[in-house]
Protein backbone atom coordinates (compact mmCIF):
# COMPACT_ATOMS: atom_id res chain seq x y z
CA MET A 1 -6.84 15.76 -0.93
CA PRO A 2 -5.68 15.62 -4.46
CA LEU A 3 -2.37 17.32 -5.29
CA LYS A 4 -1.60 18.93 -8.66
CA ILE A 5 2.06 18.18 -9.52
CA LEU A 6 4.13 19.94 -12.21
CA ILE A 7 6.97 17.94 -13.08
CA ILE A 8 9.98 19.71 -14.57
CA ASP A 9 12.78 17.76 -16.63
CA PRO A 10 15.35 19.13 -18.90
CA TYR A 11 16.45 16.57 -21.41
CA TYR A 12 19.71 15.58 -22.68
CA PRO A 13 20.36 17.90 -25.65
CA THR A 14 21.85 15.05 -27.75
CA PHE A 15 18.62 13.08 -27.32
CA LEU A 16 16.59 16.19 -28.40
CA SER A 17 18.66 16.71 -31.38
CA SER A 18 18.54 13.10 -32.31
CA PHE A 19 14.75 13.20 -32.06
CA TYR A 20 14.22 16.09 -34.37
CA SER A 21 16.49 14.83 -36.84
CA LYS A 22 14.70 11.58 -36.96
CA TYR A 23 11.23 13.23 -36.87
CA PRO A 24 11.82 16.77 -38.49
CA ASP A 25 8.14 17.23 -38.98
CA ALA A 26 7.25 17.04 -35.26
CA LYS A 27 8.12 20.74 -34.90
CA ASN A 28 4.97 21.38 -37.09
CA LEU A 29 2.64 19.29 -34.50
CA THR A 30 0.41 20.85 -31.82
CA HIS A 31 2.05 21.15 -28.34
CA GLN A 32 0.12 17.96 -27.12
CA LYS A 33 0.82 15.98 -30.17
CA GLN A 34 4.40 16.85 -30.28
CA LYS A 35 4.79 15.99 -26.54
CA GLN A 36 2.94 12.67 -27.04
CA LYS A 37 5.34 11.77 -30.00
CA LEU A 38 8.23 12.59 -27.84
CA PHE A 39 7.15 10.55 -24.92
CA LYS A 40 6.62 7.44 -27.24
CA GLU A 41 10.52 7.43 -27.44
CA LEU A 42 10.53 6.42 -23.77
CA PHE A 43 13.54 8.69 -23.02
CA GLY A 44 14.37 9.14 -19.30
CA THR A 45 11.17 9.19 -17.16
CA ALA A 46 9.02 10.15 -20.24
CA ASP A 47 5.63 10.74 -18.92
CA PHE A 48 5.82 7.85 -16.32
CA TYR A 49 5.65 10.20 -13.15
CA SER A 50 2.52 12.19 -14.45
CA ASN A 51 0.70 9.06 -15.76
CA ALA A 52 1.06 7.12 -12.56
CA LEU A 53 0.29 10.23 -10.35
CA THR A 54 -2.80 10.85 -12.32
CA LYS A 55 -3.91 7.21 -12.01
CA ILE A 56 -3.68 7.45 -8.33
CA GLY A 57 -5.87 10.63 -8.10
CA HIS A 58 -3.08 13.25 -8.27
CA PRO A 59 -2.99 15.15 -11.57
CA GLY A 60 0.55 15.42 -13.07
CA GLU A 61 1.89 17.39 -15.87
CA ASP A 62 5.07 17.32 -17.62
CA ILE A 63 7.29 20.32 -18.65
CA ILE A 64 10.23 19.48 -20.90
CA LEU A 65 12.00 22.79 -20.02
CA ASN A 66 14.75 23.02 -22.53
CA ASN A 67 12.85 21.76 -25.52
CA GLU A 68 12.59 25.03 -27.37
CA SER A 69 10.26 23.79 -30.10
CA LEU A 70 7.84 22.25 -27.74
CA GLN A 71 7.90 24.96 -25.31
CA LYS A 72 7.39 27.88 -27.79
CA GLN A 73 4.62 25.86 -29.53
CA TRP A 74 2.78 25.84 -25.98
CA LEU A 75 3.55 29.66 -25.91
CA LYS A 76 2.06 30.11 -29.38
CA GLU A 77 -1.12 28.14 -28.35
CA ASN A 78 -1.61 29.75 -25.25
CA GLY A 79 -0.52 33.34 -25.82
CA SER A 80 -3.96 34.76 -26.06
CA ILE A 81 -4.35 34.13 -22.32
CA PHE A 82 -1.82 36.84 -21.46
CA LEU A 83 -0.98 40.47 -22.48
CA SER A 84 1.71 41.10 -24.97
CA ILE A 85 4.94 39.18 -24.65
CA LYS A 86 6.91 42.38 -24.06
CA ASP A 87 4.68 43.50 -21.14
CA ARG A 88 3.78 40.33 -19.42
CA PHE A 89 7.15 38.45 -19.14
CA GLN A 90 9.13 39.22 -15.96
CA ASP A 91 12.99 39.20 -16.51
CA PHE A 92 14.80 36.48 -14.46
CA THR A 93 18.40 37.43 -13.67
CA ILE A 94 20.54 34.36 -13.98
CA LYS A 95 23.04 34.79 -11.17
CA HIS A 96 25.22 31.72 -11.69
CA LEU A 97 28.89 32.06 -12.72
CA PRO A 98 29.52 31.96 -16.54
CA LEU A 99 31.33 28.74 -16.10
CA VAL A 100 28.18 26.70 -15.52
CA ALA A 101 25.72 29.03 -17.52
CA GLY A 102 25.17 26.23 -20.07
CA LYS A 103 23.95 23.88 -17.19
CA ILE A 104 21.05 25.98 -16.02
CA ALA A 105 17.82 27.17 -17.44
CA GLN A 106 18.12 30.10 -19.86
CA ASN A 107 16.02 33.16 -19.55
CA TRP A 108 13.38 32.31 -22.24
CA GLU A 109 12.83 28.86 -20.59
CA LEU A 110 12.06 30.52 -17.22
CA LYS A 111 9.77 33.07 -18.85
CA ILE A 112 7.62 30.34 -20.51
CA LEU A 113 7.77 28.08 -17.41
CA ASP A 114 6.55 31.13 -15.32
CA GLN A 115 3.49 31.44 -17.66
CA GLN A 116 2.98 27.66 -17.52
CA ILE A 117 2.82 27.72 -13.60
CA LYS A 118 0.17 30.45 -13.92
CA VAL A 119 -2.06 28.28 -16.05
CA PHE A 120 -1.51 24.91 -14.36
CA LYS A 121 -1.74 26.35 -10.78
CA PRO A 122 0.20 23.37 -9.26
CA ASP A 123 0.34 22.66 -5.50
CA VAL A 124 3.86 20.96 -6.12
CA ILE A 125 6.83 21.99 -8.33
CA TYR A 126 8.81 18.60 -8.78
CA SER A 127 12.23 19.28 -10.31
CA HIS A 128 14.25 16.34 -11.64
CA ASN A 129 17.38 18.56 -12.04
CA ILE A 130 17.95 20.70 -8.81
CA GLY A 131 20.90 22.36 -10.57
CA TYR A 132 19.00 23.65 -13.64
CA LEU A 133 16.45 25.96 -12.06
CA ASP A 134 17.83 29.40 -10.87
CA PRO A 135 17.32 29.95 -7.03
CA GLY A 136 16.12 33.47 -7.91
CA PHE A 137 13.39 32.27 -10.03
CA LEU A 138 12.27 29.60 -7.45
CA LYS A 139 11.93 32.33 -4.99
CA THR A 140 9.49 34.34 -7.23
CA ILE A 141 7.26 31.38 -7.73
CA LYS A 142 7.51 30.20 -3.98
CA PRO A 143 4.20 32.23 -3.11
CA ARG A 144 2.23 30.52 -5.80
CA VAL A 145 2.82 26.75 -4.90
CA LYS A 146 2.56 24.78 -1.70
CA LEU A 147 5.92 22.89 -2.15
CA ILE A 148 8.94 23.16 -4.16
CA VAL A 149 10.74 19.87 -4.43
CA GLY A 150 13.96 18.77 -5.95
CA GLN A 151 15.18 15.31 -6.95
CA ILE A 152 18.86 14.35 -6.96
CA ALA A 153 20.98 11.20 -7.66
CA CYS A 154 24.06 12.84 -8.90
CA PRO A 155 27.07 14.83 -7.42
CA ILE A 156 25.82 17.92 -5.65
CA PRO A 157 26.49 20.90 -7.77
CA PHE A 158 29.00 23.02 -6.04
CA TRP A 159 27.04 26.27 -6.85
CA GLN A 160 23.77 24.89 -5.72
CA ASN A 161 21.49 26.79 -3.34
CA PHE A 162 18.94 24.63 -1.66
CA LYS A 163 17.19 27.44 0.36
CA PRO A 164 14.26 27.76 -2.18
CA TYR A 165 13.50 23.98 -2.08
CA ASP A 166 11.09 22.85 0.73
CA LEU A 167 12.08 19.23 0.19
CA ILE A 168 14.76 17.15 -1.57
CA ILE A 169 14.08 13.60 -2.78
CA THR A 170 17.03 11.22 -3.33
CA SER A 171 17.69 7.66 -4.05
CA PHE A 172 20.97 7.98 -2.34
CA PRO A 173 20.53 6.84 1.29
CA HIS A 174 23.72 8.36 2.23
CA TYR A 175 22.81 11.82 1.08
CA LEU A 176 20.16 12.03 3.73
CA LYS A 177 22.64 12.61 6.37
CA LYS A 178 24.55 15.16 4.15
CA PHE A 179 21.26 17.22 3.70
CA LYS A 180 20.32 17.02 7.48
CA GLN A 181 23.58 18.45 8.42
CA LYS A 182 22.97 21.30 6.16
CA GLY A 183 19.44 21.88 7.65
CA ILE A 184 17.72 20.72 4.50
CA LYS A 185 14.76 18.53 4.45
CA ALA A 186 15.27 15.30 2.71
CA GLU A 187 13.63 11.91 1.95
CA TYR A 188 14.73 8.67 0.47
CA LEU A 189 12.85 7.29 -2.39
CA PRO A 190 14.18 4.54 -4.75
CA LEU A 191 13.79 4.65 -8.44
CA CYS A 192 11.76 2.16 -10.48
CA PHE A 193 10.64 0.68 -13.80
CA GLU A 194 7.63 1.64 -16.01
CA SER A 195 5.96 -1.76 -16.84
CA SER A 196 3.92 -0.49 -19.74
CA ILE A 197 7.16 -0.57 -21.76
CA LEU A 198 6.80 -4.20 -22.08
CA LYS A 199 3.68 -3.72 -23.91
CA GLN A 200 4.93 -0.82 -26.12
CA ILE A 201 8.07 -2.78 -27.45
CA PRO A 202 7.41 -6.08 -29.31
CA SER A 203 9.10 -9.01 -27.60
CA GLN A 204 12.72 -9.63 -28.67
CA LYS A 205 15.05 -12.50 -28.97
CA ARG A 206 17.92 -12.52 -26.83
CA ILE A 207 20.75 -11.99 -29.43
CA TYR A 208 23.32 -10.35 -27.31
CA ASP A 209 25.21 -12.54 -24.64
CA PHE A 210 26.50 -9.59 -22.47
CA THR A 211 25.69 -5.82 -22.81
CA PHE A 212 26.49 -2.66 -21.00
CA ILE A 213 24.32 0.31 -21.78
CA GLY A 214 25.32 3.51 -19.92
CA GLY A 215 27.43 6.68 -20.08
CA ILE A 216 30.97 7.20 -19.71
CA SER A 217 32.16 10.47 -18.14
CA ARG A 218 34.25 12.03 -15.34
CA ALA A 219 31.67 10.87 -12.79
CA HIS A 220 32.29 7.20 -13.60
CA GLN A 221 36.05 6.90 -12.98
CA GLN A 222 35.87 3.57 -11.37
CA GLY A 223 33.29 2.25 -13.75
CA PHE A 224 35.57 3.49 -16.68
CA LYS A 225 38.51 1.36 -15.42
CA LEU A 226 36.31 -1.57 -14.71
CA LEU A 227 34.83 -1.47 -18.27
CA ASN A 228 38.28 -1.40 -19.78
CA GLN A 229 39.54 -4.26 -17.85
CA LEU A 230 36.41 -6.30 -18.52
CA ALA A 231 36.66 -5.80 -22.26
CA ASP A 232 40.21 -7.13 -22.33
CA GLN A 233 38.77 -10.38 -20.92
CA VAL A 234 35.21 -10.77 -22.00
CA LYS A 235 33.34 -9.88 -25.22
CA ILE A 236 30.78 -7.21 -24.11
CA ASP A 237 28.71 -5.13 -26.38
CA VAL A 238 28.39 -1.38 -25.33
CA TRP A 239 26.12 1.38 -25.92
CA GLY A 240 26.09 5.01 -24.58
CA TYR A 241 27.55 8.38 -24.67
CA GLY A 242 31.24 9.06 -24.13
CA LYS A 243 32.92 6.86 -26.81
CA GLU A 244 35.03 9.68 -27.63
CA GLU A 245 36.59 9.37 -24.07
CA LEU A 246 37.96 6.05 -25.02
CA ASN A 247 41.20 5.00 -26.52
CA PRO A 248 40.50 4.22 -30.12
CA LYS A 249 42.88 1.13 -29.97
CA SER A 250 41.27 -0.35 -26.79
CA GLN A 251 38.98 -3.34 -26.88
CA LEU A 252 36.27 -1.39 -25.28
CA TYR A 253 36.33 1.18 -28.27
CA LYS A 254 36.05 -1.88 -30.65
CA TYR A 255 32.82 -3.24 -28.66
CA HIS A 256 31.32 0.32 -28.31
CA HIS A 257 28.34 0.83 -30.74
CA GLY A 258 27.55 4.40 -30.01
CA GLU A 259 24.55 5.97 -28.24
CA ALA A 260 21.08 4.41 -27.63
CA TRP A 261 18.24 6.29 -26.09
CA GLY A 262 14.82 5.45 -24.80
CA LYS A 263 13.12 3.07 -26.88
CA ASP A 264 16.43 1.78 -28.58
CA MET A 265 17.90 1.10 -25.12
CA TYR A 266 14.93 -0.75 -23.77
CA LYS A 267 15.03 -2.93 -27.03
CA LEU A 268 18.66 -3.65 -26.43
CA MET A 269 17.89 -4.55 -22.73
CA LEU A 270 15.11 -6.98 -24.15
CA GLN A 271 17.73 -8.41 -26.63
CA SER A 272 20.37 -9.16 -23.78
CA LYS A 273 20.89 -12.37 -21.77
CA ILE A 274 23.15 -10.42 -19.13
CA THR A 275 23.40 -6.82 -18.66
CA LEU A 276 26.27 -5.17 -16.61
CA ASN A 277 25.58 -2.36 -14.09
CA ARG A 278 28.04 -0.24 -12.30
CA HIS A 279 27.15 2.87 -10.20
CA ILE A 280 28.49 6.23 -10.44
CA ASP A 281 31.21 7.10 -8.09
CA VAL A 282 29.17 9.34 -5.87
CA ALA A 283 26.92 6.42 -5.09
CA LYS A 284 29.50 5.04 -2.93
CA ASN A 285 28.50 1.76 -1.32
CA TYR A 286 24.67 2.17 -2.12
CA ALA A 287 22.73 0.61 -4.93
CA ASN A 288 20.33 3.40 -6.51
CA ASN A 289 20.42 3.68 -10.26
CA THR A 290 17.65 3.25 -12.85
CA ARG A 291 19.54 0.35 -14.74
CA LEU A 292 18.85 -1.91 -11.64
CA TYR A 293 15.09 -1.60 -12.50
CA GLU A 294 15.33 -1.23 -16.25
CA ALA A 295 17.45 -4.49 -16.72
CA THR A 296 15.39 -6.62 -14.32
CA GLY A 297 12.12 -5.03 -15.64
CA CYS A 298 13.22 -6.10 -19.14
CA GLY A 299 13.92 -9.65 -17.92
CA THR A 300 17.74 -9.79 -18.68
CA MET A 301 19.93 -11.17 -15.70
CA LEU A 302 21.38 -8.26 -14.05
CA LEU A 303 25.04 -8.42 -12.92
CA THR A 304 25.65 -5.58 -10.78
CA ASP A 305 28.28 -4.12 -8.27
CA GLN A 306 27.77 -5.38 -4.70
CA LYS A 307 26.41 -2.56 -2.46
CA ASN A 308 25.35 -2.50 1.17
CA ASN A 309 21.46 -1.91 0.52
CA LEU A 310 21.18 -4.34 -2.53
CA SER A 311 19.66 -6.89 -0.59
CA ASP A 312 16.94 -4.41 0.49
CA LEU A 313 15.94 -3.99 -3.14
CA PHE A 314 16.39 -7.72 -4.50
CA ALA A 315 17.30 -11.08 -3.29
CA VAL A 316 21.03 -11.32 -4.38
CA GLY A 317 21.90 -14.63 -6.04
CA LYS A 318 18.18 -15.27 -6.79
CA GLU A 319 16.81 -12.10 -8.35
CA VAL A 320 20.02 -10.35 -9.53
CA VAL A 321 23.82 -11.46 -9.41
CA ALA A 322 26.38 -9.18 -7.57
CA TYR A 323 30.20 -8.90 -8.08
CA THR A 324 32.83 -7.66 -5.92
CA ASP A 325 35.78 -6.83 -8.24
CA ILE A 326 36.84 -7.47 -11.83
CA HIS A 327 37.92 -11.05 -11.06
CA ASP A 328 34.63 -11.79 -9.61
CA LEU A 329 32.74 -10.10 -12.46
CA VAL A 330 34.68 -12.08 -15.21
CA LYS A 331 34.13 -15.40 -13.45
CA LYS A 332 30.37 -14.79 -12.99
CA ALA A 333 29.73 -13.27 -16.47
CA ASN A 334 31.35 -16.56 -17.89
CA TYR A 335 29.60 -18.74 -15.57
CA TYR A 336 25.97 -17.57 -16.34
CA LEU A 337 26.69 -17.46 -19.95
CA ASN A 338 27.47 -21.13 -19.93
CA HIS A 339 24.57 -21.87 -17.41
CA ASN A 340 21.35 -20.98 -19.43
CA LYS A 341 18.83 -22.48 -17.03
CA GLU A 342 20.22 -20.83 -13.73
CA ARG A 343 20.63 -17.49 -15.75
CA GLN A 344 17.08 -17.59 -16.95
CA LYS A 345 15.64 -18.44 -13.54
CA ILE A 346 17.38 -15.52 -11.93
CA ALA A 347 16.26 -13.13 -14.83
CA LYS A 348 12.57 -14.20 -14.42
CA ALA A 349 12.64 -13.82 -10.66
CA GLY A 350 14.37 -10.33 -11.08
CA GLN A 351 11.68 -9.35 -13.40
CA LYS A 352 8.90 -10.52 -11.07
CA ARG A 353 10.23 -8.51 -8.26
CA THR A 354 10.57 -5.35 -10.26
CA LEU A 355 7.05 -5.62 -11.78
CA LYS A 356 5.68 -6.16 -8.27
CA ASP A 357 7.60 -3.96 -6.09
CA HIS A 358 9.48 -1.32 -8.13
CA ASN A 359 6.81 -0.04 -10.56
CA TYR A 360 5.75 3.45 -10.88
CA GLN A 361 2.27 3.04 -9.31
CA VAL A 362 3.86 1.82 -6.06
CA ARG A 363 6.65 4.46 -6.20
CA MET A 364 4.24 7.43 -6.79
CA THR A 365 2.11 6.27 -4.03
CA GLN A 366 4.99 6.49 -1.70
CA LEU A 367 5.89 9.92 -3.22
CA VAL A 368 2.70 11.37 -2.48
CA GLU A 369 2.75 9.97 1.04
CA ILE A 370 5.97 11.85 1.38
CA LEU A 371 4.67 15.09 -0.03
CA GLN A 372 1.59 15.11 2.02
CA LYS A 373 3.68 15.10 5.16
CA TYR A 374 5.36 18.35 4.23
CA ILE A 375 2.19 20.07 2.90
């Protein structure tokens, strides 16, 4: 039986700001055209979930909850369906502490989402950010859907109330035990790569020897230290958020080129001979992040931190290369930069594995199998 799945995903405000600065006329487009233009930037998971789900017979729809221009355009186009705004909107009380108010959905976001749920009539609500939707709001919509699902691959928010969720999906194997101990239903599902990206971006020359594309934040303390040590010994081109956290006199600051989102990020991956990966501290000894699949999917050789389950995802030494510490990292980076054929062979094998086993059609098929168990 087909499932209608509504995918809710707040975007990084910095990306939204850069998008509308780049395309100021986008705000004048219809809701559908504005959303399509946004998805063409390939930020985050874009429309990868909904497209793959729809292709396998389960209609998916995306809501970029914190995109005010997009959401209010939807309201403008669909307002005639309802009574007057003043009468039809229920007020949702945000109960979180003021300290975290900026990290959760605002009242106007919930009001519009409530109406979108009434229109789409989903079987499943799938939230990419479990800390963003207020538990009180989730309780009000619970009678209208069969399943409320949250996805997490980050530190668990200390204020989070999981009771409104019927199921948690995580790419962290070690989180399953944590949730089970709390009496929360949870399932493991790895992340993946959208293979159509390779058709959407022209082929590139590998002009960068060694790159790192990722954020620098308090959640990346070990990685922050590693990157600083690495930059003192090996030339590495870096992009991502958090440059302001760096010492302006450091080599890492010198190599940092600023932020790169979506299409720009993939283009850089396609231009890289080797891409470095390091996991967020909370990942502990488990490989899970999207860079595993983005890098291999783009055909760059992935040099990633050794994790207990890495061999479950890739053949280590044949499809990806793993390092154990800074000394091993420097040694392997230099070795593979000087051994082109070996590097290219591993990169090609890694790409083949990702395109075969870690694509969205495979992963969404697995997701639907999980959801149907709980429905």
